[in-house]
Amino acid sequence: MKQLEVTIMGQSYILGCPEGGEQPLLEAVDSVDREMCAIRDAGKVKARERIAVLAALNLAYALAERPHAGLASDGISVGGAHIDALIRRVDQALGADGQLL
């Protein structure tokens, strides 16, 4: 597994990434960073954890609105276990900033 250093809302994180998965991960990081910065810049929310939760909800809602949302590339429905694994990865990345759930 490869490790990438990324920056989200001005803070650096080291993320694990499978070989060949660098570009999709960097695109995801860019989306999260853009969403979190937009929420922060709106000035209504200051706490990093709240910004992260709002950004996650906004991105999940946008994904749910897309056709075929919730389907993996092979057409198999993505289950709760997959989402739980993603939440654990985000929690690990946040580290001392606190856990989302």
PDB file of N, CA and C in Angstrom:
ATOM      1  N   MET A   1       0.852  -1.172   0.000  1.00  0.00           N
ATOM      2  CA  MET A   1       0.000   0.000   0.000  1.00  0.00           C
ATOM      3  C   MET A   1       0.896   1.232   0.000  1.00  0.00           C
ATOM      4  N   LYS A   2       0.557   2.150  -0.855  1.00  0.00           N
ATOM      5  CA  LYS A   2       1.301   3.394  -0.985  1.00  0.00           C
ATOM      6  C   LYS A   2       0.724   4.426  -0.021  1.00  0.00           C
ATOM      7  N   GLN A   3       1.566   5.352   0.439  1.00  0.00           N
ATOM      8  CA  GLN A   3       1.099   6.431   1.295  1.00  0.00           C
ATOM      9  C   GLN A   3       1.265   7.757   0.571  1.00  0.00           C
ATOM     10  N   LEU A   4       0.247   8.593   0.674  1.00  0.00           N
ATOM     11  CA  LEU A   4       0.286   9.921   0.070  1.00  0.00           C
ATOM     12  C   LEU A   4       0.085  10.960   1.156  1.00  0.00           C
ATOM     13  N   GLU A   5       0.843  12.049   1.067  1.00  0.00           N
ATOM     14  CA  GLU A   5       0.600  13.172   1.965  1.00  0.00           C
ATOM     15  C   GLU A   5      -0.293  14.151   1.222  1.00  0.00           C
ATOM     16  N   VAL A   6      -1.400  14.497   1.848  1.00  0.00           N
ATOM     17  CA  VAL A   6      -2.369  15.413   1.245  1.00  0.00           C
ATOM     18  C   VAL A   6      -2.674  16.528   2.237  1.00  0.00           C
ATOM     19  N   THR A   7      -3.271  17.590   1.732  1.00  0.00           N
ATOM     20  CA  THR A   7      -3.675  18.703   2.588  1.00  0.00           C
ATOM     21  C   THR A   7      -5.160  18.943   2.411  1.00  0.00           C
ATOM     22  N   ILE A   8      -5.853  18.971   3.543  1.00  0.00           N
ATOM     23  CA  ILE A   8      -7.284  19.262   3.550  1.00  0.00           C
ATOM     24  C   ILE A   8      -7.499  20.414   4.515  1.00  0.00           C
ATOM     25  N   MET A   9      -8.045  21.483   4.012  1.00  0.00           N
ATOM     26  CA  MET A   9      -8.334  22.677   4.801  1.00  0.00           C
ATOM     27  C   MET A   9      -7.097  23.135   5.585  1.00  0.00           C
ATOM     28  N   GLY A  10      -5.956  23.115   4.890  1.00  0.00           N
ATOM     29  CA  GLY A  10      -4.722  23.619   5.467  1.00  0.00           C
ATOM     30  C   GLY A  10      -3.991  22.674   6.388  1.00  0.00           C
ATOM     31  N   GLN A  11      -4.487  21.465   6.591  1.00  0.00           N
ATOM     32  CA  GLN A  11      -3.831  20.508   7.474  1.00  0.00           C
ATOM     33  C   GLN A  11      -3.383  19.293   6.674  1.00  0.00           C
ATOM     34  N   SER A  12      -2.164  18.827   6.959  1.00  0.00           N
ATOM     35  CA  SER A  12      -1.607  17.677   6.242  1.00  0.00           C
ATOM     36  C   SER A  12      -2.062  16.369   6.856  1.00  0.00           C
ATOM     37  N   TYR A  13      -2.291  15.387   5.982  1.00  0.00           N
ATOM     38  CA  TYR A  13      -2.669  14.039   6.388  1.00  0.00           C
ATOM     39  C   TYR A  13      -1.873  13.051   5.543  1.00  0.00           C
ATOM     40  N   ILE A  14      -1.508  11.926   6.140  1.00  0.00           N
ATOM     41  CA  ILE A  14      -0.901  10.818   5.413  1.00  0.00           C
ATOM     42  C   ILE A  14      -1.990   9.775   5.229  1.00  0.00           C
ATOM     43  N   LEU A  15      -2.294   9.448   3.972  1.00  0.00           N
ATOM     44  CA  LEU A  15      -3.361   8.501   3.662  1.00  0.00           C
ATOM     45  C   LEU A  15      -2.793   7.292   2.941  1.00  0.00           C
ATOM     46  N   GLY A  16      -3.297   6.122   3.293  1.00  0.00           N
ATOM     47  CA  GLY A  16      -2.944   4.905   2.586  1.00  0.00           C
ATOM     48  C   GLY A  16      -3.743   4.802   1.302  1.00  0.00           C
ATOM     49  N   CYS A  17      -3.093   4.250   0.284  1.00  0.00           N
ATOM     50  CA  CYS A  17      -3.735   4.168  -1.027  1.00  0.00           C
ATOM     51  C   CYS A  17      -3.203   2.946  -1.758  1.00  0.00           C
ATOM     52  N   PRO A  18      -4.088   2.143  -2.368  1.00  0.00           N
ATOM     53  CA  PRO A  18      -3.596   1.005  -3.152  1.00  0.00           C
ATOM     54  C   PRO A  18      -2.854   1.498  -4.384  1.00  0.00           C
ATOM     55  N   GLU A  19      -1.906   0.705  -4.848  1.00  0.00           N
ATOM     56  CA  GLU A  19      -1.167   1.056  -6.062  1.00  0.00           C
ATOM     57  C   GLU A  19      -2.140   1.310  -7.205  1.00  0.00           C
ATOM     58  N   GLY A  20      -1.947   2.370  -7.924  1.00  0.00           N
ATOM     59  CA  GLY A  20      -2.813   2.721  -9.041  1.00  0.00           C
ATOM     60  C   GLY A  20      -4.040   3.516  -8.631  1.00  0.00           C
ATOM     61  N   GLY A  21      -4.249   3.708  -7.344  1.00  0.00           N
ATOM     62  CA  GLY A  21      -5.431   4.424  -6.874  1.00  0.00           C
ATOM     63  C   GLY A  21      -5.149   5.868  -6.509  1.00  0.00           C
ATOM     64  N   GLU A  22      -3.954   6.348  -6.868  1.00  0.00           N
ATOM     65  CA  GLU A  22      -3.559   7.693  -6.469  1.00  0.00           C
ATOM     66  C   GLU A  22      -4.478   8.772  -7.040  1.00  0.00           C
ATOM     67  N   GLN A  23      -4.792   8.694  -8.306  1.00  0.00           N
ATOM     68  CA  GLN A  23      -5.591   9.741  -8.949  1.00  0.00           C
ATOM     69  C   GLN A  23      -7.006   9.833  -8.373  1.00  0.00           C
ATOM     70  N   PRO A  24      -7.722   8.704  -8.229  1.00  0.00           N
ATOM     71  CA  PRO A  24      -9.052   8.809  -7.609  1.00  0.00           C
ATOM     72  C   PRO A  24      -8.991   9.347  -6.177  1.00  0.00           C
ATOM     73  N   LEU A  25      -7.968   8.956  -5.416  1.00  0.00           N
ATOM     74  CA  LEU A  25      -7.842   9.457  -4.049  1.00  0.00           C
ATOM     75  C   LEU A  25      -7.576  10.956  -4.055  1.00  0.00           C
ATOM     76  N   LEU A  26      -6.693  11.423  -4.937  1.00  0.00           N
ATOM     77  CA  LEU A  26      -6.403  12.856  -5.010  1.00  0.00           C
ATOM     78  C   LEU A  26      -7.631  13.650  -5.444  1.00  0.00           C
ATOM     79  N   GLU A  27      -8.441  13.092  -6.333  1.00  0.00           N
ATOM     80  CA  GLU A  27      -9.684  13.757  -6.736  1.00  0.00           C
ATOM     81  C   GLU A  27     -10.658  13.826  -5.562  1.00  0.00           C
ATOM     82  N   ALA A  28     -10.723  12.752  -4.765  1.00  0.00           N
ATOM     83  CA  ALA A  28     -11.592  12.745  -3.583  1.00  0.00           C
ATOM     84  C   ALA A  28     -11.105  13.776  -2.566  1.00  0.00           C
ATOM     85  N   VAL A  29      -9.801  13.840  -2.353  1.00  0.00           N
ATOM     86  CA  VAL A  29      -9.222  14.818  -1.424  1.00  0.00           C
ATOM     87  C   VAL A  29      -9.551  16.233  -1.894  1.00  0.00           C
ATOM     88  N   ASP A  30      -9.435  16.471  -3.192  1.00  0.00           N
ATOM     89  CA  ASP A  30      -9.747  17.792  -3.739  1.00  0.00           C
ATOM     90  C   ASP A  30     -11.214  18.155  -3.496  1.00  0.00           C
ATOM     91  N   SER A  31     -12.110  17.201  -3.687  1.00  0.00           N
ATOM     92  CA  SER A  31     -13.537  17.449  -3.451  1.00  0.00           C
ATOM     93  C   SER A  31     -13.811  17.759  -1.987  1.00  0.00           C
ATOM     94  N   VAL A  32     -13.216  16.981  -1.098  1.00  0.00           N
ATOM     95  CA  VAL A  32     -13.418  17.199   0.339  1.00  0.00           C
ATOM     96  C   VAL A  32     -12.837  18.548   0.753  1.00  0.00           C
ATOM     97  N   ASP A  33     -11.632  18.853   0.279  1.00  0.00           N
ATOM     98  CA  ASP A  33     -10.998  20.133   0.618  1.00  0.00           C
ATOM     99  C   ASP A  33     -11.842  21.307   0.132  1.00  0.00           C
ATOM    100  N   ARG A  34     -12.304  21.230  -1.104  1.00  0.00           N
ATOM    101  CA  ARG A  34     -13.131  22.301  -1.672  1.00  0.00           C
ATOM    102  C   ARG A  34     -14.402  22.502  -0.852  1.00  0.00           C
ATOM    103  N   GLU A  35     -15.067  21.394  -0.511  1.00  0.00           N
ATOM    104  CA  GLU A  35     -16.321  21.469   0.239  1.00  0.00           C
ATOM    105  C   GLU A  35     -16.088  22.015   1.643  1.00  0.00           C
ATOM    106  N   MET A  36     -15.055  21.518   2.323  1.00  0.00           N
ATOM    107  CA  MET A  36     -14.778  21.984   3.680  1.00  0.00           C
ATOM    108  C   MET A  36     -14.385  23.458   3.695  1.00  0.00           C
ATOM    109  N   CYS A  37     -13.562  23.882   2.737  1.00  0.00           N
ATOM    110  CA  CYS A  37     -13.155  25.289   2.675  1.00  0.00           C
ATOM    111  C   CYS A  37     -14.343  26.202   2.377  1.00  0.00           C
ATOM    112  N   ALA A  38     -15.251  25.740   1.534  1.00  0.00           N
ATOM    113  CA  ALA A  38     -16.440  26.545   1.224  1.00  0.00           C
ATOM    114  C   ALA A  38     -17.299  26.729   2.473  1.00  0.00           C
ATOM    115  N   ILE A  39     -17.452  25.675   3.262  1.00  0.00           N
ATOM    116  CA  ILE A  39     -18.237  25.776   4.494  1.00  0.00           C
ATOM    117  C   ILE A  39     -17.540  26.704   5.478  1.00  0.00           C
ATOM    118  N   ARG A  40     -16.239  26.530   5.642  1.00  0.00           N
ATOM    119  CA  ARG A  40     -15.473  27.394   6.549  1.00  0.00           C
ATOM    120  C   ARG A  40     -15.546  28.849   6.110  1.00  0.00           C
ATOM    121  N   ASP A  41     -15.374  29.094   4.816  1.00  0.00           N
ATOM    122  CA  ASP A  41     -15.350  30.461   4.291  1.00  0.00           C
ATOM    123  C   ASP A  41     -16.710  31.145   4.369  1.00  0.00           C
ATOM    124  N   ALA A  42     -17.781  30.351   4.437  1.00  0.00           N
ATOM    125  CA  ALA A  42     -19.108  30.940   4.595  1.00  0.00           C
ATOM    126  C   ALA A  42     -19.247  31.593   5.967  1.00  0.00           C
ATOM    127  N   GLY A  43     -18.374  31.203   6.908  1.00  0.00           N
ATOM    128  CA  GLY A  43     -18.298  31.861   8.200  1.00  0.00           C
ATOM    129  C   GLY A  43     -19.310  31.452   9.246  1.00  0.00           C
ATOM    130  N   LYS A  44     -20.180  30.513   8.935  1.00  0.00           N
ATOM    131  CA  LYS A  44     -21.221  30.135   9.894  1.00  0.00           C
ATOM    132  C   LYS A  44     -20.764  29.030  10.843  1.00  0.00           C
ATOM    133  N   VAL A  45     -19.786  28.222  10.422  1.00  0.00           N
ATOM    134  CA  VAL A  45     -19.320  27.093  11.227  1.00  0.00           C
ATOM    135  C   VAL A  45     -17.806  27.223  11.383  1.00  0.00           C
ATOM    136  N   LYS A  46     -17.324  27.080  12.597  1.00  0.00           N
ATOM    137  CA  LYS A  46     -15.890  27.232  12.860  1.00  0.00           C
ATOM    138  C   LYS A  46     -15.200  25.928  13.245  1.00  0.00           C
ATOM    139  N   ALA A  47     -15.890  25.034  13.949  1.00  0.00           N
ATOM    140  CA  ALA A  47     -15.277  23.802  14.442  1.00  0.00           C
ATOM    141  C   ALA A  47     -14.983  22.853  13.284  1.00  0.00           C
ATOM    142  N   ARG A  48     -13.737  22.382  13.229  1.00  0.00           N
ATOM    143  CA  ARG A  48     -13.285  21.492  12.151  1.00  0.00           C
ATOM    144  C   ARG A  48     -14.156  20.238  12.060  1.00  0.00           C
ATOM    145  N   GLU A  49     -14.536  19.665  13.202  1.00  0.00           N
ATOM    146  CA  GLU A  49     -15.343  18.448  13.187  1.00  0.00           C
ATOM    147  C   GLU A  49     -16.709  18.702  12.562  1.00  0.00           C
ATOM    148  N   ARG A  50     -17.325  19.816  12.909  1.00  0.00           N
ATOM    149  CA  ARG A  50     -18.638  20.147  12.339  1.00  0.00           C
ATOM    150  C   ARG A  50     -18.521  20.419  10.837  1.00  0.00           C
ATOM    151  N   ILE A  51     -17.463  21.098  10.449  1.00  0.00           N
ATOM    152  CA  ILE A  51     -17.230  21.356   9.022  1.00  0.00           C
ATOM    153  C   ILE A  51     -17.080  20.032   8.285  1.00  0.00           C
ATOM    154  N   ALA A  52     -16.326  19.090   8.876  1.00  0.00           N
ATOM    155  CA  ALA A  52     -16.119  17.784   8.238  1.00  0.00           C
ATOM    156  C   ALA A  52     -17.435  17.027   8.084  1.00  0.00           C
ATOM    157  N   VAL A  53     -18.263  17.053   9.114  1.00  0.00           N
ATOM    158  CA  VAL A  53     -19.550  16.349   9.050  1.00  0.00           C
ATOM    159  C   VAL A  53     -20.449  16.984   7.994  1.00  0.00           C
ATOM    160  N   LEU A  54     -20.525  18.308   7.968  1.00  0.00           N
ATOM    161  CA  LEU A  54     -21.356  18.987   6.964  1.00  0.00           C
ATOM    162  C   LEU A  54     -20.850  18.710   5.553  1.00  0.00           C
ATOM    163  N   ALA A  55     -19.545  18.735   5.373  1.00  0.00           N
ATOM    164  CA  ALA A  55     -18.972  18.441   4.052  1.00  0.00           C
ATOM    165  C   ALA A  55     -19.302  17.007   3.645  1.00  0.00           C
ATOM    166  N   ALA A  56     -19.162  16.068   4.580  1.00  0.00           N
ATOM    167  CA  ALA A  56     -19.479  14.666   4.279  1.00  0.00           C
ATOM    168  C   ALA A  56     -20.937  14.508   3.886  1.00  0.00           C
ATOM    169  N   LEU A  57     -21.811  15.175   4.613  1.00  0.00           N
ATOM    170  CA  LEU A  57     -23.241  15.100   4.281  1.00  0.00           C
ATOM    171  C   LEU A  57     -23.531  15.717   2.914  1.00  0.00           C
ATOM    172  N   ASN A  58     -22.922  16.859   2.632  1.00  0.00           N
ATOM    173  CA  ASN A  58     -23.124  17.494   1.325  1.00  0.00           C
ATOM    174  C   ASN A  58     -22.641  16.597   0.194  1.00  0.00           C
ATOM    175  N   LEU A  59     -21.465  15.997   0.353  1.00  0.00           N
ATOM    176  CA  LEU A  59     -20.919  15.129  -0.690  1.00  0.00           C
ATOM    177  C   LEU A  59     -21.743  13.849  -0.830  1.00  0.00           C
ATOM    178  N   ALA A  60     -22.186  13.280   0.302  1.00  0.00           N
ATOM    179  CA  ALA A  60     -23.019  12.075   0.248  1.00  0.00           C
ATOM    180  C   ALA A  60     -24.360  12.362  -0.425  1.00  0.00           C
ATOM    181  N   TYR A  61     -24.932  13.522  -0.132  1.00  0.00           N
ATOM    182  CA  TYR A  61     -26.199  13.909  -0.767  1.00  0.00           C
ATOM    183  C   TYR A  61     -26.012  14.060  -2.275  1.00  0.00           C
ATOM    184  N   ALA A  62     -24.927  14.729  -2.677  1.00  0.00           N
ATOM    185  CA  ALA A  62     -24.654  14.900  -4.113  1.00  0.00           C
ATOM    186  C   ALA A  62     -24.473  13.544  -4.785  1.00  0.00           C
ATOM    187  N   LEU A  63     -23.796  12.623  -4.114  1.00  0.00           N
ATOM    188  CA  LEU A  63     -23.601  11.280  -4.657  1.00  0.00           C
ATOM    189  C   LEU A  63     -24.930  10.536  -4.773  1.00  0.00           C
ATOM    190  N   ALA A  64     -25.778  10.677  -3.759  1.00  0.00           N
ATOM    191  CA  ALA A  64     -27.077  10.000  -3.771  1.00  0.00           C
ATOM    192  C   ALA A  64     -27.981  10.524  -4.882  1.00  0.00           C
ATOM    193  N   GLU A  65     -27.797  11.782  -5.269  1.00  0.00           N
ATOM    194  CA  GLU A  65     -28.602  12.389  -6.320  1.00  0.00           C
ATOM    195  C   GLU A  65     -28.185  11.942  -7.720  1.00  0.00           C
ATOM    196  N   ARG A  66     -26.979  11.388  -7.826  1.00  0.00           N
ATOM    197  CA  ARG A  66     -26.488  10.945  -9.138  1.00  0.00           C
ATOM    198  C   ARG A  66     -27.169   9.650  -9.558  1.00  0.00           C
ATOM    199  N   PRO A  67     -27.360   9.455 -10.865  1.00  0.00           N
ATOM    200  CA  PRO A  67     -27.902   8.170 -11.326  1.00  0.00           C
ATOM    201  C   PRO A  67     -26.953   7.043 -10.942  1.00  0.00           C
ATOM    202  N   HIS A  68     -27.487   5.918 -10.577  1.00  0.00           N
ATOM    203  CA  HIS A  68     -26.725   4.731 -10.190  1.00  0.00           C
ATOM    204  C   HIS A  68     -25.921   4.957  -8.920  1.00  0.00           C
ATOM    205  N   ALA A  69     -26.323   5.915  -8.107  1.00  0.00           N
ATOM    206  CA  ALA A  69     -25.616   6.158  -6.840  1.00  0.00           C
ATOM    207  C   ALA A  69     -25.721   4.921  -5.972  1.00  0.00           C
ATOM    208  N   GLY A  70     -24.681   4.661  -5.221  1.00  0.00           N
ATOM    209  CA  GLY A  70     -24.676   3.505  -4.335  1.00  0.00           C
ATOM    210  C   GLY A  70     -24.293   2.221  -5.028  1.00  0.00           C
ATOM    211  N   LEU A  71     -23.889   2.296  -6.299  1.00  0.00           N
ATOM    212  CA  LEU A  71     -23.468   1.105  -7.013  1.00  0.00           C
ATOM    213  C   LEU A  71     -21.969   1.161  -7.256  1.00  0.00           C
ATOM    214  N   ALA A  72     -21.315   0.050  -7.018  1.00  0.00           N
ATOM    215  CA  ALA A  72     -19.898  -0.056  -7.332  1.00  0.00           C
ATOM    216  C   ALA A  72     -19.746  -0.106  -8.844  1.00  0.00           C
ATOM    217  N   SER A  73     -18.500  -0.011  -9.327  1.00  0.00           N
ATOM    218  CA  SER A  73     -18.271   0.006 -10.770  1.00  0.00           C
ATOM    219  C   SER A  73     -18.740  -1.275 -11.448  1.00  0.00           C
ATOM    220  N   ASP A  74     -18.827  -2.377 -10.705  1.00  0.00           N
ATOM    221  CA  ASP A  74     -19.304  -3.621 -11.295  1.00  0.00           C
ATOM    222  C   ASP A  74     -20.816  -3.779 -11.155  1.00  0.00           C
ATOM    223  N   GLY A  75     -21.496  -2.738 -10.632  1.00  0.00           N
ATOM    224  CA  GLY A  75     -22.943  -2.769 -10.535  1.00  0.00           C
ATOM    225  C   GLY A  75     -23.469  -3.380  -9.258  1.00  0.00           C
ATOM    226  N   ILE A  76     -22.585  -3.822  -8.368  1.00  0.00           N
ATOM    227  CA  ILE A  76     -23.007  -4.421  -7.112  1.00  0.00           C
ATOM    228  C   ILE A  76     -23.219  -3.316  -6.093  1.00  0.00           C
ATOM    229  N   SER A  77     -24.302  -3.385  -5.363  1.00  0.00           N
ATOM    230  CA  SER A  77     -24.626  -2.363  -4.380  1.00  0.00           C
ATOM    231  C   SER A  77     -23.563  -2.302  -3.292  1.00  0.00           C
ATOM    232  N   VAL A  78     -23.167  -1.101  -2.942  1.00  0.00           N
ATOM    233  CA  VAL A  78     -22.195  -0.896  -1.879  1.00  0.00           C
ATOM    234  C   VAL A  78     -22.928  -0.978  -0.552  1.00  0.00           C
ATOM    235  N   GLY A  79     -22.513  -1.877   0.320  1.00  0.00           N
ATOM    236  CA  GLY A  79     -23.201  -2.098   1.582  1.00  0.00           C
ATOM    237  C   GLY A  79     -22.669  -1.234   2.705  1.00  0.00           C
ATOM    238  N   GLY A  80     -23.317  -1.360   3.864  1.00  0.00           N
ATOM    239  CA  GLY A  80     -22.940  -0.588   5.038  1.00  0.00           C
ATOM    240  C   GLY A  80     -21.519  -0.858   5.502  1.00  0.00           C
ATOM    241  N   ALA A  81     -21.019  -2.088   5.287  1.00  0.00           N
ATOM    242  CA  ALA A  81     -19.654  -2.417   5.715  1.00  0.00           C
ATOM    243  C   ALA A  81     -18.650  -1.553   4.977  1.00  0.00           C
ATOM    244  N   HIS A  82     -18.891  -1.278   3.705  1.00  0.00           N
ATOM    245  CA  HIS A  82     -17.997  -0.430   2.913  1.00  0.00           C
ATOM    246  C   HIS A  82     -18.000   0.995   3.466  1.00  0.00           C
ATOM    247  N   ILE A  83     -19.141   1.498   3.808  1.00  0.00           N
ATOM    248  CA  ILE A  83     -19.253   2.847   4.362  1.00  0.00           C
ATOM    249  C   ILE A  83     -18.588   2.910   5.723  1.00  0.00           C
ATOM    250  N   ASP A  84     -18.762   1.865   6.552  1.00  0.00           N
ATOM    251  CA  ASP A  84     -18.106   1.822   7.855  1.00  0.00           C
ATOM    252  C   ASP A  84     -16.592   1.872   7.700  1.00  0.00           C
ATOM    253  N   ALA A  85     -16.056   1.172   6.701  1.00  0.00           N
ATOM    254  CA  ALA A  85     -14.603   1.189   6.466  1.00  0.00           C
ATOM    255  C   ALA A  85     -14.146   2.587   6.062  1.00  0.00           C
ATOM    256  N   LEU A  86     -14.932   3.277   5.238  1.00  0.00           N
ATOM    257  CA  LEU A  86     -14.577   4.641   4.845  1.00  0.00           C
ATOM    258  C   LEU A  86     -14.603   5.578   6.043  1.00  0.00           C
ATOM    259  N   ILE A  87     -15.585   5.431   6.913  1.00  0.00           N
ATOM    260  CA  ILE A  87     -15.664   6.275   8.108  1.00  0.00           C
ATOM    261  C   ILE A  87     -14.451   6.025   8.995  1.00  0.00           C
ATOM    262  N   ARG A  88     -14.044   4.765   9.139  1.00  0.00           N
ATOM    263  CA  ARG A  88     -12.852   4.467   9.943  1.00  0.00           C
ATOM    264  C   ARG A  88     -11.614   5.130   9.348  1.00  0.00           C
ATOM    265  N   ARG A  89     -11.492   5.132   8.008  1.00  0.00           N
ATOM    266  CA  ARG A  89     -10.333   5.783   7.364  1.00  0.00           C
ATOM    267  C   ARG A  89     -10.339   7.284   7.626  1.00  0.00           C
ATOM    268  N   VAL A  90     -11.504   7.909   7.562  1.00  0.00           N
ATOM    269  CA  VAL A  90     -11.596   9.347   7.836  1.00  0.00           C
ATOM    270  C   VAL A  90     -11.257   9.615   9.295  1.00  0.00           C
ATOM    271  N   ASP A  91     -11.765   8.780  10.211  1.00  0.00           N
ATOM    272  CA  ASP A  91     -11.455   8.936  11.633  1.00  0.00           C
ATOM    273  C   ASP A  91      -9.951   8.835  11.876  1.00  0.00           C
ATOM    274  N   GLN A  92      -9.292   7.889  11.212  1.00  0.00           N
ATOM    275  CA  GLN A  92      -7.843   7.739  11.368  1.00  0.00           C
ATOM    276  C   GLN A  92      -7.126   8.968  10.829  1.00  0.00           C
ATOM    277  N   ALA A  93      -7.589   9.494   9.699  1.00  0.00           N
ATOM    278  CA  ALA A  93      -6.953  10.669   9.108  1.00  0.00           C
ATOM    279  C   ALA A  93      -7.118  11.890  10.000  1.00  0.00           C
ATOM    280  N   LEU A  94      -8.282  12.022  10.649  1.00  0.00           N
ATOM    281  CA  LEU A  94      -8.507  13.160  11.525  1.00  0.00           C
ATOM    282  C   LEU A  94      -7.661  13.081  12.782  1.00  0.00           C
ATOM    283  N   GLY A  95      -7.353  11.884  13.231  1.00  0.00           N
ATOM    284  CA  GLY A  95      -6.501  11.689  14.394  1.00  0.00           C
ATOM    285  C   GLY A  95      -6.925  12.527  15.578  1.00  0.00           C
ATOM    286  N   ALA A  96      -6.064  13.423  16.013  1.00  0.00           N
ATOM    287  CA  ALA A  96      -6.309  14.230  17.219  1.00  0.00           C
ATOM    288  C   ALA A  96      -7.430  15.230  17.023  1.00  0.00           C
ATOM    289  N   ASP A  97      -7.855  15.468  15.790  1.00  0.00           N
ATOM    290  CA  ASP A  97      -8.944  16.421  15.549  1.00  0.00           C
ATOM    291  C   ASP A  97     -10.280  15.873  16.025  1.00  0.00           C
ATOM    292  N   GLY A  98     -10.343  14.589  16.299  1.00  0.00           N
ATOM    293  CA  GLY A  98     -11.591  14.000  16.770  1.00  0.00           C
ATOM    294  C   GLY A  98     -12.230  13.123  15.716  1.00  0.00           C
ATOM    295  N   GLN A  99     -13.092  12.241  16.171  1.00  0.00           N
ATOM    296  CA  GLN A  99     -13.750  11.314  15.267  1.00  0.00           C
ATOM    297  C   GLN A  99     -15.082  11.866  14.810  1.00  0.00           C
ATOM    298  N   LEU A 100     -15.449  11.490  13.586  1.00  0.00           N
ATOM    299  CA  LEU A 100     -16.722  11.952  13.034  1.00  0.00           C
ATOM    300  C   LEU A 100     -17.902  11.335  13.768  1.00  0.00           C
ATOM    301  N   LEU A 101     -17.841  10.042  14.004  1.00  0.00           N
ATOM    302  CA  LEU A 101     -18.963   9.336  14.639  1.00  0.00           C
ATOM    303  C   LEU A 101     -18.484   8.573  15.853  1.00  0.00           C
TER     304      LEU A 101
END
